[in-house]
Amino acid sequence: MPQLNPNPWFAILVFSWIIFLTVIPTKILNHTTPNEPTLMSEEKHKTEPWNWPW
């Protein structure tokens, strides 16, 4: 049965994972977000109670 012969399939598996782990993450990490997140100020917002009309 040719499915039990690991010689070509194991090499294909190893090389494909090498490509996935080296080439693709570098391409993905080169993308930057257009709006960089900014830190929020730590001052508390002044809140007022809401008087319901009923």
N, C-alpha and C. Protein backbone atom coordinates (compact mmCIF):
# COMPACT_ATOMS: atom_id res chain seq x y z
N MET A 1 0.84 -1.18 0.00
CA MET A 1 0.00 0.00 0.00
C MET A 1 0.89 1.25 0.00
N PRO A 2 0.70 2.16 -0.92
CA PRO A 2 1.58 3.33 -1.00
C PRO A 2 1.33 4.34 0.12
N GLN A 3 0.19 4.28 0.80
CA GLN A 3 -0.07 5.23 1.87
C GLN A 3 0.85 5.00 3.06
N LEU A 4 1.39 3.79 3.21
CA LEU A 4 2.24 3.49 4.35
C LEU A 4 3.69 3.84 4.11
N ASN A 5 4.03 4.28 2.91
CA ASN A 5 5.40 4.66 2.60
C ASN A 5 5.59 6.12 3.00
N PRO A 6 6.31 6.42 4.11
CA PRO A 6 6.40 7.79 4.60
C PRO A 6 7.46 8.63 3.91
N ASN A 7 8.22 8.07 2.99
CA ASN A 7 9.35 8.81 2.43
C ASN A 7 8.95 10.12 1.76
N PRO A 8 8.12 10.14 0.73
CA PRO A 8 7.84 11.46 0.12
C PRO A 8 6.90 12.31 0.95
N TRP A 9 5.94 11.70 1.65
CA TRP A 9 4.92 12.49 2.35
C TRP A 9 5.47 13.15 3.60
N PHE A 10 6.40 12.50 4.27
CA PHE A 10 6.98 13.12 5.46
C PHE A 10 7.83 14.33 5.07
N ALA A 11 8.56 14.24 3.98
CA ALA A 11 9.36 15.37 3.52
C ALA A 11 8.46 16.53 3.11
N ILE A 12 7.36 16.23 2.43
CA ILE A 12 6.42 17.29 2.04
C ILE A 12 5.82 17.94 3.29
N LEU A 13 5.49 17.14 4.28
CA LEU A 13 4.94 17.67 5.53
C LEU A 13 5.95 18.58 6.22
N VAL A 14 7.19 18.14 6.32
CA VAL A 14 8.21 18.93 7.01
C VAL A 14 8.48 20.24 6.26
N PHE A 15 8.63 20.18 4.95
CA PHE A 15 8.91 21.39 4.19
C PHE A 15 7.73 22.36 4.21
N SER A 16 6.52 21.84 4.18
CA SER A 16 5.38 22.75 4.23
C SER A 16 5.29 23.44 5.59
N TRP A 17 5.60 22.72 6.68
CA TRP A 17 5.58 23.37 8.00
C TRP A 17 6.72 24.35 8.15
N ILE A 18 7.86 24.08 7.52
CA ILE A 18 8.95 25.06 7.56
C ILE A 18 8.53 26.34 6.86
N ILE A 19 7.84 26.19 5.74
CA ILE A 19 7.34 27.38 5.02
C ILE A 19 6.31 28.11 5.86
N PHE A 20 5.38 27.36 6.46
CA PHE A 20 4.35 27.99 7.28
C PHE A 20 4.94 28.74 8.47
N LEU A 21 5.99 28.19 9.08
CA LEU A 21 6.53 28.79 10.29
C LEU A 21 7.57 29.86 10.03
N THR A 22 8.09 29.98 8.82
CA THR A 22 9.11 30.99 8.56
C THR A 22 8.64 32.08 7.60
N VAL A 23 8.04 31.72 6.51
CA VAL A 23 7.71 32.71 5.48
C VAL A 23 6.41 33.43 5.80
N ILE A 24 5.38 32.71 6.12
CA ILE A 24 4.06 33.31 6.28
C ILE A 24 3.98 34.25 7.49
N PRO A 25 4.54 33.92 8.68
CA PRO A 25 4.46 34.89 9.78
C PRO A 25 5.18 36.20 9.49
N THR A 26 6.29 36.15 8.75
CA THR A 26 6.97 37.41 8.44
C THR A 26 6.13 38.26 7.51
N LYS A 27 5.40 37.65 6.59
CA LYS A 27 4.54 38.42 5.70
C LYS A 27 3.36 39.02 6.47
N ILE A 28 2.84 38.28 7.43
CA ILE A 28 1.70 38.78 8.20
C ILE A 28 2.14 39.89 9.16
N LEU A 29 3.30 39.75 9.77
CA LEU A 29 3.75 40.74 10.74
C LEU A 29 4.20 42.04 10.09
N ASN A 30 4.40 42.06 8.79
CA ASN A 30 4.77 43.29 8.11
C ASN A 30 3.60 44.25 7.98
N HIS A 31 2.38 43.76 8.11
CA HIS A 31 1.22 44.63 8.03
C HIS A 31 1.05 45.39 9.33
N THR A 32 0.80 46.68 9.21
CA THR A 32 0.59 47.49 10.40
C THR A 32 -0.83 48.01 10.39
N THR A 33 -1.33 48.31 11.55
CA THR A 33 -2.67 48.85 11.65
C THR A 33 -2.64 50.33 11.29
N PRO A 34 -3.63 50.84 10.59
CA PRO A 34 -3.61 52.27 10.21
C PRO A 34 -3.76 53.21 11.41
N ASN A 35 -4.50 52.80 12.40
CA ASN A 35 -4.68 53.63 13.60
C ASN A 35 -4.06 52.92 14.78
N GLU A 36 -2.92 53.41 15.19
CA GLU A 36 -2.26 52.80 16.34
C GLU A 36 -3.07 53.12 17.60
N PRO A 37 -3.19 52.16 18.51
CA PRO A 37 -3.97 52.42 19.73
C PRO A 37 -3.25 53.43 20.62
N THR A 38 -4.02 54.31 21.22
CA THR A 38 -3.46 55.30 22.13
C THR A 38 -3.89 54.95 23.55
N LEU A 39 -3.07 55.35 24.48
CA LEU A 39 -3.37 55.07 25.88
C LEU A 39 -4.48 56.00 26.36
N MET A 40 -5.37 55.44 27.15
CA MET A 40 -6.45 56.24 27.71
C MET A 40 -5.91 57.00 28.92
N SER A 41 -6.46 58.18 29.15
CA SER A 41 -6.05 58.93 30.33
C SER A 41 -6.67 58.27 31.56
N GLU A 42 -5.98 58.40 32.67
CA GLU A 42 -6.43 57.73 33.89
C GLU A 42 -7.36 58.59 34.72
N GLU A 43 -7.66 59.79 34.26
CA GLU A 43 -8.55 60.63 35.05
C GLU A 43 -9.98 60.10 34.96
N LYS A 44 -10.68 60.21 36.08
CA LYS A 44 -12.05 59.71 36.12
C LYS A 44 -12.99 60.69 35.43
N HIS A 45 -13.93 60.15 34.72
CA HIS A 45 -14.92 61.00 34.08
C HIS A 45 -15.97 61.42 35.11
N LYS A 46 -16.38 62.65 34.98
CA LYS A 46 -17.37 63.16 35.92
C LYS A 46 -18.74 62.63 35.50
N THR A 47 -19.34 61.84 36.35
CA THR A 47 -20.65 61.29 36.04
C THR A 47 -21.70 61.94 36.92
N GLU A 48 -22.85 62.14 36.35
CA GLU A 48 -23.96 62.73 37.08
C GLU A 48 -25.12 61.75 37.09
N PRO A 49 -25.88 61.70 38.17
CA PRO A 49 -27.03 60.77 38.18
C PRO A 49 -28.10 61.23 37.20
N TRP A 50 -28.79 60.29 36.68
CA TRP A 50 -29.83 60.57 35.70
C TRP A 50 -31.18 60.54 36.43
N ASN A 51 -31.82 61.67 36.46
CA ASN A 51 -33.12 61.77 37.13
C ASN A 51 -34.21 61.34 36.16
N TRP A 52 -34.79 60.20 36.45
CA TRP A 52 -35.84 59.69 35.58
C TRP A 52 -37.12 60.48 35.83
N PRO A 53 -37.92 60.72 34.77
CA PRO A 53 -39.11 61.56 34.95
C PRO A 53 -40.28 60.88 35.64
N TRP A 54 -40.21 59.63 35.99
CA TRP A 54 -41.37 59.01 36.64
C TRP A 54 -41.12 58.69 38.08
